[in-house]
Amino acid sequence: MRTVQWRKSSFSGNNGGNCVEVAELSGRTDELGHDFGHADVIAVRDSKDPDGPKLFFTPAEWDVFLDGVKASEFES
């Protein structure tokens, strides 16, 4: 996953601090060798720990998550 093009989330702001980064994967495998075939996958990581754990979403799951973020469903 070191060659993946990560991009900063637009919800992270421009303060230069830690943020969430996302990458679109297609036809790749993860560090454990899980084959995603030709399915598109959205990967998410914490910028302050780029070698740490990553979350993987299908495009449909990602869309539902983004809708929740936009609707402020995750604010405390």
PDB file of N, CA and C in Angstrom:
ATOM      1  N   MET A   1       0.816  -1.188   0.000  1.00  0.00           N
ATOM      2  CA  MET A   1       0.000   0.000   0.000  1.00  0.00           C
ATOM      3  C   MET A   1       0.870   1.267   0.000  1.00  0.00           C
ATOM      4  N   ARG A   2       2.149   1.106  -0.090  1.00  0.00           N
ATOM      5  CA  ARG A   2       3.027   2.276  -0.093  1.00  0.00           C
ATOM      6  C   ARG A   2       2.948   3.064  -1.401  1.00  0.00           C
ATOM      7  N   THR A   3       2.485   2.438  -2.477  1.00  0.00           N
ATOM      8  CA  THR A   3       2.389   3.137  -3.757  1.00  0.00           C
ATOM      9  C   THR A   3       1.015   3.745  -3.995  1.00  0.00           C
ATOM     10  N   VAL A   4       0.130   3.589  -3.032  1.00  0.00           N
ATOM     11  CA  VAL A   4      -1.225   4.114  -3.152  1.00  0.00           C
ATOM     12  C   VAL A   4      -1.192   5.637  -3.029  1.00  0.00           C
ATOM     13  N   GLN A   5      -2.016   6.305  -3.824  1.00  0.00           N
ATOM     14  CA  GLN A   5      -2.139   7.756  -3.760  1.00  0.00           C
ATOM     15  C   GLN A   5      -3.166   8.134  -2.691  1.00  0.00           C
ATOM     16  N   TRP A   6      -2.689   8.532  -1.531  1.00  0.00           N
ATOM     17  CA  TRP A   6      -3.568   8.957  -0.446  1.00  0.00           C
ATOM     18  C   TRP A   6      -3.893  10.427  -0.618  1.00  0.00           C
ATOM     19  N   ARG A   7      -5.120  10.797  -0.250  1.00  0.00           N
ATOM     20  CA  ARG A   7      -5.471  12.212  -0.298  1.00  0.00           C
ATOM     21  C   ARG A   7      -6.165  12.591   1.008  1.00  0.00           C
ATOM     22  N   LYS A   8      -5.945  13.827   1.383  1.00  0.00           N
ATOM     23  CA  LYS A   8      -6.484  14.339   2.633  1.00  0.00           C
ATOM     24  C   LYS A   8      -7.981  14.568   2.498  1.00  0.00           C
ATOM     25  N   SER A   9      -8.704  14.204   3.519  1.00  0.00           N
ATOM     26  CA  SER A   9     -10.143  14.426   3.531  1.00  0.00           C
ATOM     27  C   SER A   9     -10.448  15.917   3.523  1.00  0.00           C
ATOM     28  N   SER A  10     -11.427  16.310   2.741  1.00  0.00           N
ATOM     29  CA  SER A  10     -11.838  17.720   2.707  1.00  0.00           C
ATOM     30  C   SER A  10     -12.464  18.151   4.028  1.00  0.00           C
ATOM     31  N   PHE A  11     -12.851  17.207   4.875  1.00  0.00           N
ATOM     32  CA  PHE A  11     -13.436  17.525   6.176  1.00  0.00           C
ATOM     33  C   PHE A  11     -12.364  17.774   7.243  1.00  0.00           C
ATOM     34  N   SER A  12     -11.089  17.597   6.906  1.00  0.00           N
ATOM     35  CA  SER A  12     -10.024  17.728   7.889  1.00  0.00           C
ATOM     36  C   SER A  12      -9.542  19.150   8.075  1.00  0.00           C
ATOM     37  N   GLY A  13      -9.923  20.062   7.209  1.00  0.00           N
ATOM     38  CA  GLY A  13      -9.492  21.452   7.341  1.00  0.00           C
ATOM     39  C   GLY A  13      -8.103  21.657   6.774  1.00  0.00           C
ATOM     40  N   ASN A  14      -7.609  22.872   6.894  1.00  0.00           N
ATOM     41  CA  ASN A  14      -6.310  23.229   6.324  1.00  0.00           C
ATOM     42  C   ASN A  14      -5.312  23.687   7.373  1.00  0.00           C
ATOM     43  N   ASN A  15      -5.444  23.217   8.607  1.00  0.00           N
ATOM     44  CA  ASN A  15      -4.560  23.672   9.670  1.00  0.00           C
ATOM     45  C   ASN A  15      -3.211  22.961   9.680  1.00  0.00           C
ATOM     46  N   GLY A  16      -2.983  22.021   8.761  1.00  0.00           N
ATOM     47  CA  GLY A  16      -1.708  21.331   8.672  1.00  0.00           C
ATOM     48  C   GLY A  16      -1.508  20.251   9.713  1.00  0.00           C
ATOM     49  N   GLY A  17      -2.499  19.992  10.538  1.00  0.00           N
ATOM     50  CA  GLY A  17      -2.380  18.980  11.579  1.00  0.00           C
ATOM     51  C   GLY A  17      -2.717  17.594  11.076  1.00  0.00           C
ATOM     52  N   ASN A  18      -2.967  16.719  12.018  1.00  0.00           N
ATOM     53  CA  ASN A  18      -3.320  15.345  11.677  1.00  0.00           C
ATOM     54  C   ASN A  18      -4.692  15.301  11.047  1.00  0.00           C
ATOM     55  N   CYS A  19      -4.881  14.351  10.160  1.00  0.00           N
ATOM     56  CA  CYS A  19      -6.158  14.283   9.470  1.00  0.00           C
ATOM     57  C   CYS A  19      -6.440  12.856   9.012  1.00  0.00           C
ATOM     58  N   VAL A  20      -7.592  12.693   8.438  1.00  0.00           N
ATOM     59  CA  VAL A  20      -7.987  11.438   7.817  1.00  0.00           C
ATOM     60  C   VAL A  20      -7.577  11.505   6.356  1.00  0.00           C
ATOM     61  N   GLU A  21      -7.021  10.413   5.839  1.00  0.00           N
ATOM     62  CA  GLU A  21      -6.664  10.331   4.427  1.00  0.00           C
ATOM     63  C   GLU A  21      -7.397   9.162   3.800  1.00  0.00           C
ATOM     64  N   VAL A  22      -7.785   9.309   2.549  1.00  0.00           N
ATOM     65  CA  VAL A  22      -8.494   8.252   1.836  1.00  0.00           C
ATOM     66  C   VAL A  22      -7.771   7.923   0.540  1.00  0.00           C
ATOM     67  N   ALA A  23      -7.985   6.704   0.069  1.00  0.00           N
ATOM     68  CA  ALA A  23      -7.429   6.272  -1.206  1.00  0.00           C
ATOM     69  C   ALA A  23      -8.429   5.335  -1.870  1.00  0.00           C
ATOM     70  N   GLU A  24      -8.506   5.436  -3.180  1.00  0.00           N
ATOM     71  CA  GLU A  24      -9.373   4.537  -3.946  1.00  0.00           C
ATOM     72  C   GLU A  24      -8.509   3.410  -4.494  1.00  0.00           C
ATOM     73  N   LEU A  25      -8.903   2.165  -4.194  1.00  0.00           N
ATOM     74  CA  LEU A  25      -8.150   0.995  -4.620  1.00  0.00           C
ATOM     75  C   LEU A  25      -8.973   0.202  -5.619  1.00  0.00           C
ATOM     76  N   SER A  26      -8.301  -0.357  -6.580  1.00  0.00           N
ATOM     77  CA  SER A  26      -8.991  -1.184  -7.564  1.00  0.00           C
ATOM     78  C   SER A  26      -8.077  -2.325  -7.972  1.00  0.00           C
ATOM     79  N   GLY A  27      -8.573  -3.545  -7.842  1.00  0.00           N
ATOM     80  CA  GLY A  27      -7.804  -4.714  -8.247  1.00  0.00           C
ATOM     81  C   GLY A  27      -6.504  -4.873  -7.492  1.00  0.00           C
ATOM     82  N   ARG A  28      -6.488  -4.582  -6.204  1.00  0.00           N
ATOM     83  CA  ARG A  28      -5.282  -4.667  -5.392  1.00  0.00           C
ATOM     84  C   ARG A  28      -5.487  -5.629  -4.233  1.00  0.00           C
ATOM     85  N   THR A  29      -4.399  -5.916  -3.538  1.00  0.00           N
ATOM     86  CA  THR A  29      -4.479  -6.694  -2.310  1.00  0.00           C
ATOM     87  C   THR A  29      -3.966  -5.832  -1.166  1.00  0.00           C
ATOM     88  N   ASP A  30      -4.408  -6.146   0.056  1.00  0.00           N
ATOM     89  CA  ASP A  30      -3.919  -5.411   1.215  1.00  0.00           C
ATOM     90  C   ASP A  30      -2.667  -6.084   1.769  1.00  0.00           C
ATOM     91  N   GLU A  31      -2.153  -5.574   2.899  1.00  0.00           N
ATOM     92  CA  GLU A  31      -0.918  -6.095   3.491  1.00  0.00           C
ATOM     93  C   GLU A  31      -1.017  -7.566   3.881  1.00  0.00           C
ATOM     94  N   LEU A  32      -2.231  -8.035   4.138  1.00  0.00           N
ATOM     95  CA  LEU A  32      -2.431  -9.425   4.542  1.00  0.00           C
ATOM     96  C   LEU A  32      -2.682 -10.340   3.350  1.00  0.00           C
ATOM     97  N   GLY A  33      -2.649  -9.775   2.146  1.00  0.00           N
ATOM     98  CA  GLY A  33      -2.857 -10.579   0.952  1.00  0.00           C
ATOM     99  C   GLY A  33      -4.303 -10.769   0.563  1.00  0.00           C
ATOM    100  N   HIS A  34      -5.230 -10.061   1.229  1.00  0.00           N
ATOM    101  CA  HIS A  34      -6.638 -10.152   0.839  1.00  0.00           C
ATOM    102  C   HIS A  34      -6.787  -9.585  -0.568  1.00  0.00           C
ATOM    103  N   ASP A  35      -7.327 -10.369  -1.435  1.00  0.00           N
ATOM    104  CA  ASP A  35      -7.489  -9.956  -2.826  1.00  0.00           C
ATOM    105  C   ASP A  35      -8.852  -9.296  -2.994  1.00  0.00           C
ATOM    106  N   PHE A  36      -8.842  -8.043  -3.445  1.00  0.00           N
ATOM    107  CA  PHE A  36     -10.090  -7.334  -3.682  1.00  0.00           C
ATOM    108  C   PHE A  36     -10.552  -7.505  -5.121  1.00  0.00           C
ATOM    109  N   GLY A  37      -9.835  -8.321  -5.892  1.00  0.00           N
ATOM    110  CA  GLY A  37     -10.219  -8.569  -7.280  1.00  0.00           C
ATOM    111  C   GLY A  37     -10.332  -7.281  -8.054  1.00  0.00           C
ATOM    112  N   HIS A  38     -11.399  -7.140  -8.797  1.00  0.00           N
ATOM    113  CA  HIS A  38     -11.605  -5.931  -9.585  1.00  0.00           C
ATOM    114  C   HIS A  38     -12.566  -4.966  -8.914  1.00  0.00           C
ATOM    115  N   ALA A  39     -12.990  -5.302  -7.708  1.00  0.00           N
ATOM    116  CA  ALA A  39     -13.928  -4.436  -6.997  1.00  0.00           C
ATOM    117  C   ALA A  39     -13.216  -3.180  -6.517  1.00  0.00           C
ATOM    118  N   ASP A  40     -13.886  -2.086  -6.580  1.00  0.00           N
ATOM    119  CA  ASP A  40     -13.341  -0.845  -6.049  1.00  0.00           C
ATOM    120  C   ASP A  40     -13.483  -0.855  -4.536  1.00  0.00           C
ATOM    121  N   VAL A  41     -12.459  -0.365  -3.858  1.00  0.00           N
ATOM    122  CA  VAL A  41     -12.438  -0.310  -2.403  1.00  0.00           C
ATOM    123  C   VAL A  41     -11.935   1.064  -1.997  1.00  0.00           C
ATOM    124  N   ILE A  42     -12.516   1.623  -0.955  1.00  0.00           N
ATOM    125  CA  ILE A  42     -12.070   2.889  -0.401  1.00  0.00           C
ATOM    126  C   ILE A  42     -11.314   2.575   0.882  1.00  0.00           C
ATOM    127  N   ALA A  43     -10.060   3.009   0.955  1.00  0.00           N
ATOM    128  CA  ALA A  43      -9.236   2.798   2.144  1.00  0.00           C
ATOM    129  C   ALA A  43      -9.143   4.111   2.916  1.00  0.00           C
ATOM    130  N   VAL A  44      -9.102   3.998   4.241  1.00  0.00           N
ATOM    131  CA  VAL A  44      -9.029   5.169   5.116  1.00  0.00           C
ATOM    132  C   VAL A  44      -7.926   4.917   6.141  1.00  0.00           C
ATOM    133  N   ARG A  45      -7.116   5.961   6.389  1.00  0.00           N
ATOM    134  CA  ARG A  45      -6.067   5.840   7.406  1.00  0.00           C
ATOM    135  C   ARG A  45      -5.938   7.156   8.165  1.00  0.00           C
ATOM    136  N   ASP A  46      -5.258   7.078   9.300  1.00  0.00           N
ATOM    137  CA  ASP A  46      -4.954   8.239  10.128  1.00  0.00           C
ATOM    138  C   ASP A  46      -3.592   8.767   9.687  1.00  0.00           C
ATOM    139  N   SER A  47      -3.508  10.031   9.311  1.00  0.00           N
ATOM    140  CA  SER A  47      -2.260  10.572   8.778  1.00  0.00           C
ATOM    141  C   SER A  47      -1.115  10.551   9.781  1.00  0.00           C
ATOM    142  N   LYS A  48      -1.412  10.595  11.079  1.00  0.00           N
ATOM    143  CA  LYS A  48      -0.330  10.586  12.063  1.00  0.00           C
ATOM    144  C   LYS A  48       0.245   9.183  12.268  1.00  0.00           C
ATOM    145  N   ASP A  49      -0.406   8.167  11.703  1.00  0.00           N
ATOM    146  CA  ASP A  49       0.071   6.784  11.785  1.00  0.00           C
ATOM    147  C   ASP A  49      -0.097   6.111  10.420  1.00  0.00           C
ATOM    148  N   PRO A  50       0.632   6.576   9.391  1.00  0.00           N
ATOM    149  CA  PRO A  50       0.417   6.073   8.032  1.00  0.00           C
ATOM    150  C   PRO A  50       0.693   4.581   7.853  1.00  0.00           C
ATOM    151  N   ASP A  51       1.508   3.993   8.724  1.00  0.00           N
ATOM    152  CA  ASP A  51       1.773   2.558   8.633  1.00  0.00           C
ATOM    153  C   ASP A  51       0.866   1.752   9.549  1.00  0.00           C
ATOM    154  N   GLY A  52      -0.022   2.434  10.241  1.00  0.00           N
ATOM    155  CA  GLY A  52      -0.926   1.774  11.172  1.00  0.00           C
ATOM    156  C   GLY A  52      -2.121   1.153  10.472  1.00  0.00           C
ATOM    157  N   PRO A  53      -3.132   0.799  11.245  1.00  0.00           N
ATOM    158  CA  PRO A  53      -4.307   0.133  10.686  1.00  0.00           C
ATOM    159  C   PRO A  53      -5.054   1.016   9.689  1.00  0.00           C
ATOM    160  N   LYS A  54      -5.711   0.354   8.761  1.00  0.00           N
ATOM    161  CA  LYS A  54      -6.518   1.025   7.759  1.00  0.00           C
ATOM    162  C   LYS A  54      -7.906   0.402   7.751  1.00  0.00           C
ATOM    163  N   LEU A  55      -8.880   1.210   7.407  1.00  0.00           N
ATOM    164  CA  LEU A  55     -10.238   0.717   7.243  1.00  0.00           C
ATOM    165  C   LEU A  55     -10.525   0.598   5.756  1.00  0.00           C
ATOM    166  N   PHE A  56     -11.316  -0.398   5.372  1.00  0.00           N
ATOM    167  CA  PHE A  56     -11.661  -0.606   3.975  1.00  0.00           C
ATOM    168  C   PHE A  56     -13.179  -0.631   3.830  1.00  0.00           C
ATOM    169  N   PHE A  57     -13.678   0.136   2.868  1.00  0.00           N
ATOM    170  CA  PHE A  57     -15.103   0.250   2.611  1.00  0.00           C
ATOM    171  C   PHE A  57     -15.403  -0.079   1.155  1.00  0.00           C
ATOM    172  N   THR A  58     -16.552  -0.684   0.917  1.00  0.00           N
ATOM    173  CA  THR A  58     -17.037  -0.778  -0.453  1.00  0.00           C
ATOM    174  C   THR A  58     -17.519   0.621  -0.838  1.00  0.00           C
ATOM    175  N   PRO A  59     -17.650   0.907  -2.128  1.00  0.00           N
ATOM    176  CA  PRO A  59     -18.178   2.227  -2.508  1.00  0.00           C
ATOM    177  C   PRO A  59     -19.546   2.514  -1.895  1.00  0.00           C
ATOM    178  N   ALA A  60     -20.416   1.514  -1.796  1.00  0.00           N
ATOM    179  CA  ALA A  60     -21.742   1.723  -1.204  1.00  0.00           C
ATOM    180  C   ALA A  60     -21.629   2.055   0.280  1.00  0.00           C
ATOM    181  N   GLU A  61     -20.773   1.340   0.999  1.00  0.00           N
ATOM    182  CA  GLU A  61     -20.561   1.626   2.421  1.00  0.00           C
ATOM    183  C   GLU A  61     -19.986   3.030   2.612  1.00  0.00           C
ATOM    184  N   TRP A  62     -19.052   3.404   1.753  1.00  0.00           N
ATOM    185  CA  TRP A  62     -18.433   4.725   1.835  1.00  0.00           C
ATOM    186  C   TRP A  62     -19.480   5.826   1.626  1.00  0.00           C
ATOM    187  N   ASP A  63     -20.360   5.634   0.652  1.00  0.00           N
ATOM    188  CA  ASP A  63     -21.414   6.611   0.395  1.00  0.00           C
ATOM    189  C   ASP A  63     -22.315   6.794   1.612  1.00  0.00           C
ATOM    190  N   VAL A  64     -22.675   5.692   2.266  1.00  0.00           N
ATOM    191  CA  VAL A  64     -23.516   5.768   3.467  1.00  0.00           C
ATOM    192  C   VAL A  64     -22.768   6.501   4.581  1.00  0.00           C
ATOM    193  N   PHE A  65     -21.481   6.198   4.754  1.00  0.00           N
ATOM    194  CA  PHE A  65     -20.675   6.877   5.766  1.00  0.00           C
ATOM    195  C   PHE A  65     -20.616   8.379   5.492  1.00  0.00           C
ATOM    196  N   LEU A  66     -20.321   8.770   4.257  1.00  0.00           N
ATOM    197  CA  LEU A  66     -20.239  10.190   3.913  1.00  0.00           C
ATOM    198  C   LEU A  66     -21.574  10.898   4.127  1.00  0.00           C
ATOM    199  N   ASP A  67     -22.678  10.222   3.802  1.00  0.00           N
ATOM    200  CA  ASP A  67     -23.995  10.820   4.047  1.00  0.00           C
ATOM    201  C   ASP A  67     -24.181  11.079   5.547  1.00  0.00           C
ATOM    202  N   GLY A  68     -23.718  10.149   6.384  1.00  0.00           N
ATOM    203  CA  GLY A  68     -23.811  10.322   7.828  1.00  0.00           C
ATOM    204  C   GLY A  68     -22.966  11.480   8.317  1.00  0.00           C
ATOM    205  N   VAL A  69     -21.766  11.623   7.767  1.00  0.00           N
ATOM    206  CA  VAL A  69     -20.890  12.738   8.142  1.00  0.00           C
ATOM    207  C   VAL A  69     -21.547  14.062   7.762  1.00  0.00           C
ATOM    208  N   LYS A  70     -22.061  14.131   6.548  1.00  0.00           N
ATOM    209  CA  LYS A  70     -22.702  15.371   6.070  1.00  0.00           C
ATOM    210  C   LYS A  70     -23.932  15.722   6.890  1.00  0.00           C
ATOM    211  N   ALA A  71     -24.601  14.707   7.433  1.00  0.00           N
ATOM    212  CA  ALA A  71     -25.806  14.932   8.246  1.00  0.00           C
ATOM    213  C   ALA A  71     -25.477  15.129   9.726  1.00  0.00           C
ATOM    214  N   SER A  72     -24.180  15.195  10.060  1.00  0.00           N
ATOM    215  CA  SER A  72     -23.708  15.399  11.439  1.00  0.00           C
ATOM    216  C   SER A  72     -24.132  14.272  12.375  1.00  0.00           C
ATOM    217  N   GLU A  73     -24.254  13.059  11.853  1.00  0.00           N
ATOM    218  CA  GLU A  73     -24.693  11.930  12.689  1.00  0.00           C
ATOM    219  C   GLU A  73     -23.624  11.473  13.675  1.00  0.00           C
ATOM    220  N   PHE A  74     -22.372  11.869  13.481  1.00  0.00           N
ATOM    221  CA  PHE A  74     -21.293  11.366  14.323  1.00  0.00           C
ATOM    222  C   PHE A  74     -20.765  12.400  15.311  1.00  0.00           C
ATOM    223  N   GLU A  75     -21.419  13.539  15.404  1.00  0.00           N
ATOM    224  CA  GLU A  75     -20.988  14.571  16.330  1.00  0.00           C
ATOM    225  C   GLU A  75     -21.481  14.241  17.724  1.00  0.00           C
ATOM    226  N   SER A  76     -20.656  14.550  18.709  1.00  0.00           N
ATOM    227  CA  SER A  76     -21.039  14.237  20.101  1.00  0.00           C
ATOM    228  C   SER A  76     -21.709  15.400  20.763  1.00  0.00           C
TER     229      SER A  76
END
